[in-house]
Amino acid sequence: PKKYEDIVNFRYYMEDGSPNTAYWEAVRDM
C-alpha cells in the first residue's frame, strides 16, 4: 500500500520487449 507521490517510474523495456537502449546507456554513463 505504499505510495511515493514524489517519484515517477523509468521504463526499462519498450512495447515490443526490446531494451530501452538509450536509457540503459544513460545510466551507464551516469
Full PDB file with SEQRES, HELIX, SHEET, SSBOND, CRYST1, ORIGX, SCALE, CONECT and MASTER records, all heavy atoms in Angstrom:
SEQRES   1 A   30  PRO LYS LYS TYR GLU ASP ILE VAL ASN PHE ARG TYR TYR          
SEQRES   2 A   30  MET GLU ASP GLY SER PRO ASN THR ALA TYR TRP GLU ALA          
SEQRES   3 A   30  VAL ARG ASP MET                                              
HELIX    1 AA1 THR A   21  ASP A   29  1                                   9    
CRYST1    1.000    1.000    1.000  90.00  90.00  90.00 P 1           1          
ORIGX1      1.000000  0.000000  0.000000        0.00000                         
ORIGX2      0.000000  1.000000  0.000000        0.00000                         
ORIGX3      0.000000  0.000000  1.000000        0.00000                         
SCALE1      1.000000  0.000000  0.000000        0.00000                         
SCALE2      0.000000  1.000000  0.000000        0.00000                         
SCALE3      0.000000  0.000000  1.000000        0.00000                         
ATOM      1  N   PRO A   1       0.793  -1.233   0.000  1.00  0.00           N  
ATOM      2  CA  PRO A   1       0.000   0.000   0.000  1.00  0.00           C  
ATOM      3  C   PRO A   1       0.826   1.285   0.000  1.00  0.00           C  
ATOM      4  O   PRO A   1       0.258   2.365   0.047  1.00  0.00           O  
ATOM      5  CB  PRO A   1      -0.787  -0.128   1.302  1.00  0.00           C  
ATOM      6  CG  PRO A   1       0.143  -0.856   2.208  1.00  0.00           C  
ATOM      7  CD  PRO A   1       0.864  -1.852   1.338  1.00  0.00           C  
ATOM      8  N   LYS A   2       2.169   1.177  -0.021  1.00  0.00           N  
ATOM      9  CA  LYS A   2       2.983   2.391  -0.011  1.00  0.00           C  
ATOM     10  C   LYS A   2       2.893   3.103  -1.359  1.00  0.00           C  
ATOM     11  O   LYS A   2       2.865   2.464  -2.414  1.00  0.00           O  
ATOM     12  CB  LYS A   2       4.451   2.062   0.278  1.00  0.00           C  
ATOM     13  CG  LYS A   2       4.760   1.710   1.725  1.00  0.00           C  
ATOM     14  CD  LYS A   2       6.261   1.551   1.920  1.00  0.00           C  
ATOM     15  CE  LYS A   2       6.626   1.286   3.365  1.00  0.00           C  
ATOM     16  NZ  LYS A   2       8.093   1.192   3.568  1.00  0.00           N  
ATOM     17  N   LYS A   3       2.882   4.429  -1.305  1.00  0.00           N  
ATOM     18  CA  LYS A   3       2.936   5.242  -2.497  1.00  0.00           C  
ATOM     19  C   LYS A   3       4.055   6.265  -2.349  1.00  0.00           C  
ATOM     20  O   LYS A   3       4.312   6.757  -1.260  1.00  0.00           O  
ATOM     21  CB  LYS A   3       1.596   5.950  -2.725  1.00  0.00           C  
ATOM     22  CG  LYS A   3       0.446   5.023  -3.093  1.00  0.00           C  
ATOM     23  CD  LYS A   3      -0.812   5.817  -3.399  1.00  0.00           C  
ATOM     24  CE  LYS A   3      -1.953   4.903  -3.814  1.00  0.00           C  
ATOM     25  NZ  LYS A   3      -3.185   5.663  -4.137  1.00  0.00           N  
ATOM     26  N   TYR A   4       4.700   6.549  -3.466  1.00  0.00           N  
ATOM     27  CA  TYR A   4       5.783   7.528  -3.468  1.00  0.00           C  
ATOM     28  C   TYR A   4       5.366   8.651  -4.429  1.00  0.00           C  
ATOM     29  O   TYR A   4       5.738   8.660  -5.605  1.00  0.00           O  
ATOM     30  CB  TYR A   4       7.089   6.869  -3.900  1.00  0.00           C  
ATOM     31  CG  TYR A   4       7.477   5.700  -3.017  1.00  0.00           C  
ATOM     32  CD1 TYR A   4       7.103   4.403  -3.360  1.00  0.00           C  
ATOM     33  CD2 TYR A   4       8.187   5.890  -1.845  1.00  0.00           C  
ATOM     34  CE1 TYR A   4       7.440   3.330  -2.543  1.00  0.00           C  
ATOM     35  CE2 TYR A   4       8.530   4.820  -1.029  1.00  0.00           C  
ATOM     36  CZ  TYR A   4       8.151   3.545  -1.387  1.00  0.00           C  
ATOM     37  OH  TYR A   4       8.484   2.479  -0.580  1.00  0.00           O  
ATOM     38  N   GLU A   5       4.584   9.589  -3.892  1.00  0.00           N  
ATOM     39  CA  GLU A   5       3.973  10.612  -4.728  1.00  0.00           C  
ATOM     40  C   GLU A   5       4.981  11.554  -5.375  1.00  0.00           C  
ATOM     41  O   GLU A   5       4.642  12.263  -6.327  1.00  0.00           O  
ATOM     42  CB  GLU A   5       2.972  11.432  -3.903  1.00  0.00           C  
ATOM     43  CG  GLU A   5       1.780  10.647  -3.395  1.00  0.00           C  
ATOM     44  CD  GLU A   5       2.058   9.934  -2.061  1.00  0.00           C  
ATOM     45  OE1 GLU A   5       3.224   9.984  -1.589  1.00  0.00           O  
ATOM     46  OE2 GLU A   5       1.115   9.351  -1.509  1.00  0.00           O  
ATOM     47  N   ASP A   6       6.205  11.561  -4.850  1.00  0.00           N  
ATOM     48  CA  ASP A   6       7.210  12.484  -5.386  1.00  0.00           C  
ATOM     49  C   ASP A   6       8.168  11.798  -6.362  1.00  0.00           C  
ATOM     50  O   ASP A   6       9.173  12.389  -6.757  1.00  0.00           O  
ATOM     51  CB  ASP A   6       7.992  13.135  -4.246  1.00  0.00           C  
ATOM     52  CG  ASP A   6       8.617  12.114  -3.290  1.00  0.00           C  
ATOM     53  OD1 ASP A   6       8.232  10.927  -3.344  1.00  0.00           O  
ATOM     54  OD2 ASP A   6       9.486  12.514  -2.491  1.00  0.00           O  
ATOM     55  N   ILE A   7       7.867  10.555  -6.786  1.00  0.00           N  
ATOM     56  CA  ILE A   7       8.770   9.792  -7.640  1.00  0.00           C  
ATOM     57  C   ILE A   7       7.971   9.154  -8.778  1.00  0.00           C  
ATOM     58  O   ILE A   7       6.889   8.601  -8.568  1.00  0.00           O  
ATOM     59  CB  ILE A   7       9.490   8.680  -6.842  1.00  0.00           C  
ATOM     60  CG1 ILE A   7      10.388   9.287  -5.764  1.00  0.00           C  
ATOM     61  CG2 ILE A   7      10.330   7.804  -7.771  1.00  0.00           C  
ATOM     62  CD1 ILE A   7      10.959   8.261  -4.813  1.00  0.00           C  
ATOM     63  N   VAL A   8       8.534   9.199  -9.985  1.00  0.00           N  
ATOM     64  CA  VAL A   8       7.923   8.534 -11.141  1.00  0.00           C  
ATOM     65  C   VAL A   8       8.854   7.424 -11.633  1.00  0.00           C  
ATOM     66  O   VAL A   8      10.041   7.384 -11.287  1.00  0.00           O  
ATOM     67  CB  VAL A   8       7.626   9.533 -12.276  1.00  0.00           C  
ATOM     68  CG1 VAL A   8       6.631  10.581 -11.800  1.00  0.00           C  
ATOM     69  CG2 VAL A   8       8.907  10.207 -12.770  1.00  0.00           C  
ATOM     70  N   ASN A   9       8.287   6.537 -12.459  1.00  0.00           N  
ATOM     71  CA  ASN A   9       8.997   5.322 -12.853  1.00  0.00           C  
ATOM     72  C   ASN A   9       9.710   5.455 -14.192  1.00  0.00           C  
ATOM     73  O   ASN A   9       9.132   5.943 -15.172  1.00  0.00           O  
ATOM     74  CB  ASN A   9       8.007   4.153 -12.962  1.00  0.00           C  
ATOM     75  CG  ASN A   9       7.539   3.664 -11.612  1.00  0.00           C  
ATOM     76  OD1 ASN A   9       8.254   3.744 -10.630  1.00  0.00           O  
ATOM     77  ND2 ASN A   9       6.316   3.146 -11.572  1.00  0.00           N  
ATOM     78  N   PHE A  10      10.940   4.952 -14.240  1.00  0.00           N  
ATOM     79  CA  PHE A  10      11.650   4.816 -15.508  1.00  0.00           C  
ATOM     80  C   PHE A  10      11.135   3.580 -16.249  1.00  0.00           C  
ATOM     81  O   PHE A  10      10.577   2.659 -15.658  1.00  0.00           O  
ATOM     82  CB  PHE A  10      13.155   4.666 -15.272  1.00  0.00           C  
ATOM     83  CG  PHE A  10      13.843   5.951 -14.907  1.00  0.00           C  
ATOM     84  CD1 PHE A  10      14.370   6.138 -13.639  1.00  0.00           C  
ATOM     85  CD2 PHE A  10      13.974   6.972 -15.830  1.00  0.00           C  
ATOM     86  CE1 PHE A  10      15.016   7.314 -13.293  1.00  0.00           C  
ATOM     87  CE2 PHE A  10      14.614   8.149 -15.493  1.00  0.00           C  
ATOM     88  CZ  PHE A  10      15.137   8.321 -14.231  1.00  0.00           C  
ATOM     89  N   ARG A  11      11.386   3.576 -17.539  1.00  0.00           N  
ATOM     90  CA  ARG A  11      10.954   2.474 -18.392  1.00  0.00           C  
ATOM     91  C   ARG A  11      12.190   1.733 -18.896  1.00  0.00           C  
ATOM     92  O   ARG A  11      13.066   2.332 -19.527  1.00  0.00           O  
ATOM     93  CB  ARG A  11      10.149   3.023 -19.572  1.00  0.00           C  
ATOM     94  CG  ARG A  11       9.554   1.958 -20.461  1.00  0.00           C  
ATOM     95  CD  ARG A  11       8.761   2.625 -21.580  1.00  0.00           C  
ATOM     96  NE  ARG A  11       7.945   1.649 -22.292  1.00  0.00           N  
ATOM     97  CZ  ARG A  11       7.126   1.964 -23.275  1.00  0.00           C  
ATOM     98  NH1 ARG A  11       7.012   3.230 -23.661  1.00  0.00           N  
ATOM     99  NH2 ARG A  11       6.412   1.033 -23.877  1.00  0.00           N  
ATOM    100  N   TYR A  12      12.243   0.424 -18.660  1.00  0.00           N  
ATOM    101  CA  TYR A  12      13.435  -0.361 -18.986  1.00  0.00           C  
ATOM    102  C   TYR A  12      13.288  -1.142 -20.291  1.00  0.00           C  
ATOM    103  O   TYR A  12      14.290  -1.481 -20.923  1.00  0.00           O  
ATOM    104  CB  TYR A  12      13.764  -1.299 -17.827  1.00  0.00           C  
ATOM    105  CG  TYR A  12      14.226  -0.524 -16.616  1.00  0.00           C  
ATOM    106  CD1 TYR A  12      13.314   0.036 -15.729  1.00  0.00           C  
ATOM    107  CD2 TYR A  12      15.575  -0.283 -16.403  1.00  0.00           C  
ATOM    108  CE1 TYR A  12      13.729   0.788 -14.646  1.00  0.00           C  
ATOM    109  CE2 TYR A  12      16.012   0.471 -15.324  1.00  0.00           C  
ATOM    110  CZ  TYR A  12      15.077   1.010 -14.446  1.00  0.00           C  
ATOM    111  OH  TYR A  12      15.504   1.766 -13.389  1.00  0.00           O  
ATOM    112  N   TYR A  13      12.054  -1.446 -20.688  1.00  0.00           N  
ATOM    113  CA  TYR A  13      11.807  -2.179 -21.935  1.00  0.00           C  
ATOM    114  C   TYR A  13      10.725  -1.458 -22.735  1.00  0.00           C  
ATOM    115  O   TYR A  13       9.823  -0.822 -22.177  1.00  0.00           O  
ATOM    116  CB  TYR A  13      11.357  -3.613 -21.646  1.00  0.00           C  
ATOM    117  CG  TYR A  13      12.490  -4.528 -21.249  1.00  0.00           C  
ATOM    118  CD1 TYR A  13      12.941  -4.587 -19.939  1.00  0.00           C  
ATOM    119  CD2 TYR A  13      13.130  -5.330 -22.196  1.00  0.00           C  
ATOM    120  CE1 TYR A  13      13.987  -5.415 -19.573  1.00  0.00           C  
ATOM    121  CE2 TYR A  13      14.175  -6.171 -21.845  1.00  0.00           C  
ATOM    122  CZ  TYR A  13      14.600  -6.205 -20.529  1.00  0.00           C  
ATOM    123  OH  TYR A  13      15.636  -7.030 -20.176  1.00  0.00           O  
ATOM    124  N   MET A  14      10.791  -1.600 -24.049  1.00  0.00           N  
ATOM    125  CA  MET A  14       9.803  -0.994 -24.933  1.00  0.00           C  
ATOM    126  C   MET A  14       8.622  -1.952 -25.125  1.00  0.00           C  
ATOM    127  O   MET A  14       8.638  -3.096 -24.660  1.00  0.00           O  
ATOM    128  CB  MET A  14      10.449  -0.649 -26.280  1.00  0.00           C  
ATOM    129  CG  MET A  14      11.730   0.170 -26.160  1.00  0.00           C  
ATOM    130  SD  MET A  14      11.539   1.709 -25.211  1.00  0.00           S  
ATOM    131  CE  MET A  14      10.618   2.694 -26.377  1.00  0.00           C  
ATOM    132  N   GLU A  15       7.606  -1.477 -25.841  1.00  0.00           N  
ATOM    133  CA  GLU A  15       6.391  -2.262 -26.033  1.00  0.00           C  
ATOM    134  C   GLU A  15       6.681  -3.601 -26.707  1.00  0.00           C  
ATOM    135  O   GLU A  15       6.025  -4.608 -26.440  1.00  0.00           O  
ATOM    136  CB  GLU A  15       5.379  -1.475 -26.872  1.00  0.00           C  
ATOM    137  CG  GLU A  15       4.727  -0.310 -26.142  1.00  0.00           C  
ATOM    138  CD  GLU A  15       3.807  -0.765 -25.015  1.00  0.00           C  
ATOM    139  OE1 GLU A  15       3.384  -1.925 -25.033  1.00  0.00           O  
ATOM    140  OE2 GLU A  15       3.535   0.054 -24.111  1.00  0.00           O  
ATOM    141  N   ASP A  16       7.660  -3.630 -27.604  1.00  0.00           N  
ATOM    142  CA  ASP A  16       7.958  -4.866 -28.334  1.00  0.00           C  
ATOM    143  C   ASP A  16       8.889  -5.801 -27.567  1.00  0.00           C  
ATOM    144  O   ASP A  16       9.316  -6.830 -28.089  1.00  0.00           O  
ATOM    145  CB  ASP A  16       8.564  -4.542 -29.697  1.00  0.00           C  
ATOM    146  CG  ASP A  16       9.904  -3.801 -29.593  1.00  0.00           C  
ATOM    147  OD1 ASP A  16      10.357  -3.527 -28.460  1.00  0.00           O  
ATOM    148  OD2 ASP A  16      10.491  -3.487 -30.641  1.00  0.00           O  
ATOM    149  N   GLY A  17       9.215  -5.438 -26.313  1.00  0.00           N  
ATOM    150  CA  GLY A  17      10.071  -6.291 -25.495  1.00  0.00           C  
ATOM    151  C   GLY A  17      11.551  -6.024 -25.638  1.00  0.00           C  
ATOM    152  O   GLY A  17      12.363  -6.675 -24.972  1.00  0.00           O  
ATOM    153  N   SER A  18      11.917  -5.091 -26.491  1.00  0.00           N  
ATOM    154  CA  SER A  18      13.336  -4.762 -26.655  1.00  0.00           C  
ATOM    155  C   SER A  18      13.778  -3.816 -25.544  1.00  0.00           C  
ATOM    156  O   SER A  18      12.964  -3.078 -24.973  1.00  0.00           O  
ATOM    157  CB  SER A  18      13.565  -4.103 -28.016  1.00  0.00           C  
ATOM    158  OG  SER A  18      12.841  -2.889 -28.100  1.00  0.00           O  
ATOM    159  N   PRO A  19      15.077  -3.813 -25.215  1.00  0.00           N  
ATOM    160  CA  PRO A  19      15.551  -2.920 -24.147  1.00  0.00           C  
ATOM    161  C   PRO A  19      15.445  -1.463 -24.559  1.00  0.00           C  
ATOM    162  O   PRO A  19      15.582  -1.123 -25.746  1.00  0.00           O  
ATOM    163  CB  PRO A  19      17.016  -3.341 -23.954  1.00  0.00           C  
ATOM    164  CG  PRO A  19      17.406  -3.963 -25.251  1.00  0.00           C  
ATOM    165  CD  PRO A  19      16.167  -4.637 -25.778  1.00  0.00           C  
ATOM    166  N   ASN A  20      15.186  -0.618 -23.585  1.00  0.00           N  
ATOM    167  CA  ASN A  20      15.175   0.831 -23.798  1.00  0.00           C  
ATOM    168  C   ASN A  20      16.637   1.290 -23.823  1.00  0.00           C  
ATOM    169  O   ASN A  20      17.163   1.864 -22.871  1.00  0.00           O  
ATOM    170  CB  ASN A  20      14.394   1.514 -22.677  1.00  0.00           C  
ATOM    171  CG  ASN A  20      14.002   2.935 -23.010  1.00  0.00           C  
ATOM    172  OD1 ASN A  20      14.520   3.524 -23.960  1.00  0.00           O  
ATOM    173  ND2 ASN A  20      13.093   3.493 -22.232  1.00  0.00           N  
ATOM    174  N   THR A  21      17.276   1.014 -24.947  1.00  0.00           N  
ATOM    175  CA  THR A  21      18.739   1.069 -25.047  1.00  0.00           C  
ATOM    176  C   THR A  21      19.313   2.425 -24.658  1.00  0.00           C  
ATOM    177  O   THR A  21      20.307   2.509 -23.917  1.00  0.00           O  
ATOM    178  CB  THR A  21      19.176   0.702 -26.471  1.00  0.00           C  
ATOM    179  OG1 THR A  21      18.651  -0.584 -26.808  1.00  0.00           O  
ATOM    180  CG2 THR A  21      20.688   0.672 -26.579  1.00  0.00           C  
ATOM    181  N   ALA A  22      18.734   3.489 -25.138  1.00  0.00           N  
ATOM    182  CA  ALA A  22      19.288   4.817 -24.854  1.00  0.00           C  
ATOM    183  C   ALA A  22      19.254   5.117 -23.361  1.00  0.00           C  
ATOM    184  O   ALA A  22      20.185   5.733 -22.821  1.00  0.00           O  
ATOM    185  CB  ALA A  22      18.517   5.878 -25.634  1.00  0.00           C  
ATOM    186  N   TYR A  23      18.194   4.678 -22.686  1.00  0.00           N  
ATOM    187  CA  TYR A  23      18.133   4.885 -21.235  1.00  0.00           C  
ATOM    188  C   TYR A  23      19.190   4.049 -20.529  1.00  0.00           C  
ATOM    189  O   TYR A  23      19.870   4.536 -19.615  1.00  0.00           O  
ATOM    190  CB  TYR A  23      16.737   4.543 -20.713  1.00  0.00           C  
ATOM    191  CG  TYR A  23      16.678   4.466 -19.201  1.00  0.00           C  
ATOM    192  CD1 TYR A  23      16.878   5.603 -18.427  1.00  0.00           C  
ATOM    193  CD2 TYR A  23      16.462   3.243 -18.554  1.00  0.00           C  
ATOM    194  CE1 TYR A  23      16.859   5.530 -17.041  1.00  0.00           C  
ATOM    195  CE2 TYR A  23      16.428   3.172 -17.173  1.00  0.00           C  
ATOM    196  CZ  TYR A  23      16.631   4.304 -16.426  1.00  0.00           C  
ATOM    197  OH  TYR A  23      16.624   4.231 -15.058  1.00  0.00           O  
ATOM    198  N   TRP A  24      19.328   2.775 -20.914  1.00  0.00           N  
ATOM    199  CA  TRP A  24      20.363   1.930 -20.308  1.00  0.00           C  
ATOM    200  C   TRP A  24      21.728   2.601 -20.437  1.00  0.00           C  
ATOM    201  O   TRP A  24      22.517   2.640 -19.478  1.00  0.00           O  
ATOM    202  CB  TRP A  24      20.402   0.559 -20.986  1.00  0.00           C  
ATOM    203  CG  TRP A  24      19.242  -0.338 -20.698  1.00  0.00           C  
ATOM    204  CD1 TRP A  24      17.969   0.033 -20.387  1.00  0.00           C  
ATOM    205  CD2 TRP A  24      19.251  -1.773 -20.695  1.00  0.00           C  
ATOM    206  NE1 TRP A  24      17.174  -1.077 -20.205  1.00  0.00           N  
ATOM    207  CE2 TRP A  24      17.932  -2.195 -20.384  1.00  0.00           C  
ATOM    208  CE3 TRP A  24      20.215  -2.724 -20.940  1.00  0.00           C  
ATOM    209  CZ2 TRP A  24      17.579  -3.546 -20.310  1.00  0.00           C  
ATOM    210  CZ3 TRP A  24      19.876  -4.076 -20.870  1.00  0.00           C  
ATOM    211  CH2 TRP A  24      18.569  -4.470 -20.548  1.00  0.00           C  
ATOM    212  N   GLU A  25      22.014   3.120 -21.626  1.00  0.00           N  
ATOM    213  CA  GLU A  25      23.312   3.756 -21.855  1.00  0.00           C  
ATOM    214  C   GLU A  25      23.471   5.013 -21.016  1.00  0.00           C  
ATOM    215  O   GLU A  25      24.577   5.317 -20.536  1.00  0.00           O  
ATOM    216  CB  GLU A  25      23.471   4.067 -23.342  1.00  0.00           C  
ATOM    217  CG  GLU A  25      23.610   2.816 -24.196  1.00  0.00           C  
ATOM    218  CD  GLU A  25      23.610   3.122 -25.687  1.00  0.00           C  
ATOM    219  OE1 GLU A  25      23.201   4.257 -26.060  1.00  0.00           O  
ATOM    220  OE2 GLU A  25      23.997   2.241 -26.476  1.00  0.00           O  
ATOM    221  N   ALA A  26      22.379   5.744 -20.805  1.00  0.00           N  
ATOM    222  CA  ALA A  26      22.446   6.950 -19.978  1.00  0.00           C  
ATOM    223  C   ALA A  26      22.773   6.610 -18.529  1.00  0.00           C  
ATOM    224  O   ALA A  26      23.544   7.328 -17.869  1.00  0.00           O  
ATOM    225  CB  ALA A  26      21.119   7.710 -20.056  1.00  0.00           C  
ATOM    226  N   VAL A  27      22.213   5.510 -18.023  1.00  0.00           N  
ATOM    227  CA  VAL A  27      22.522   5.085 -16.657  1.00  0.00           C  
ATOM    228  C   VAL A  27      23.985   4.660 -16.560  1.00  0.00           C  
ATOM    229  O   VAL A  27      24.699   5.020 -15.608  1.00  0.00           O  
ATOM    230  CB  VAL A  27      21.585   3.952 -16.210  1.00  0.00           C  
ATOM    231  CG1 VAL A  27      22.021   3.409 -14.854  1.00  0.00           C  
ATOM    232  CG2 VAL A  27      20.144   4.456 -16.140  1.00  0.00           C  
ATOM    233  N   ARG A  28      24.438   3.894 -17.538  1.00  0.00           N  
ATOM    234  CA  ARG A  28      25.865   3.530 -17.545  1.00  0.00           C  
ATOM    235  C   ARG A  28      26.743   4.773 -17.528  1.00  0.00           C  
ATOM    236  O   ARG A  28      27.700   4.865 -16.742  1.00  0.00           O  
ATOM    237  CB  ARG A  28      26.164   2.696 -18.790  1.00  0.00           C  
ATOM    238  CG  ARG A  28      27.661   2.401 -18.993  1.00  0.00           C  
ATOM    239  CD  ARG A  28      27.979   2.090 -20.440  1.00  0.00           C  
ATOM    240  NE  ARG A  28      27.639   3.196 -21.327  1.00  0.00           N  
ATOM    241  CZ  ARG A  28      27.587   3.086 -22.650  1.00  0.00           C  
ATOM    242  NH1 ARG A  28      27.830   1.926 -23.242  1.00  0.00           N  
ATOM    243  NH2 ARG A  28      27.290   4.148 -23.392  1.00  0.00           N  
ATOM    244  N   ASP A  29      26.420   5.729 -18.375  1.00  0.00           N  
ATOM    245  CA  ASP A  29      27.241   6.938 -18.462  1.00  0.00           C  
ATOM    246  C   ASP A  29      27.186   7.742 -17.173  1.00  0.00           C  
ATOM    247  O   ASP A  29      28.153   8.427 -16.818  1.00  0.00           O  
ATOM    248  CB  ASP A  29      26.787   7.791 -19.645  1.00  0.00           C  
ATOM    249  CG  ASP A  29      27.063   7.113 -20.986  1.00  0.00           C  
ATOM    250  OD1 ASP A  29      27.842   6.145 -21.012  1.00  0.00           O  
ATOM    251  OD2 ASP A  29      26.470   7.550 -21.993  1.00  0.00           O  
ATOM    252  N   MET A  30      26.064   7.664 -16.457  1.00  0.00           N  
ATOM    253  CA  MET A  30      25.962   8.340 -15.163  1.00  0.00           C  
ATOM    254  C   MET A  30      26.942   7.727 -14.161  1.00  0.00           C  
ATOM    255  O   MET A  30      27.662   8.449 -13.458  1.00  0.00           O  
ATOM    256  CB  MET A  30      24.531   8.250 -14.650  1.00  0.00           C  
ATOM    257  CG  MET A  30      24.305   8.834 -13.269  1.00  0.00           C  
ATOM    258  SD  MET A  30      24.445   7.587 -11.960  1.00  0.00           S  
ATOM    259  CE  MET A  30      23.064   6.524 -12.368  1.00  0.00           C  
TER     260      MET A  30                                                      
MASTER        0    0    0    1    0    0    0    6  259    1    0    3          
END                                                                             
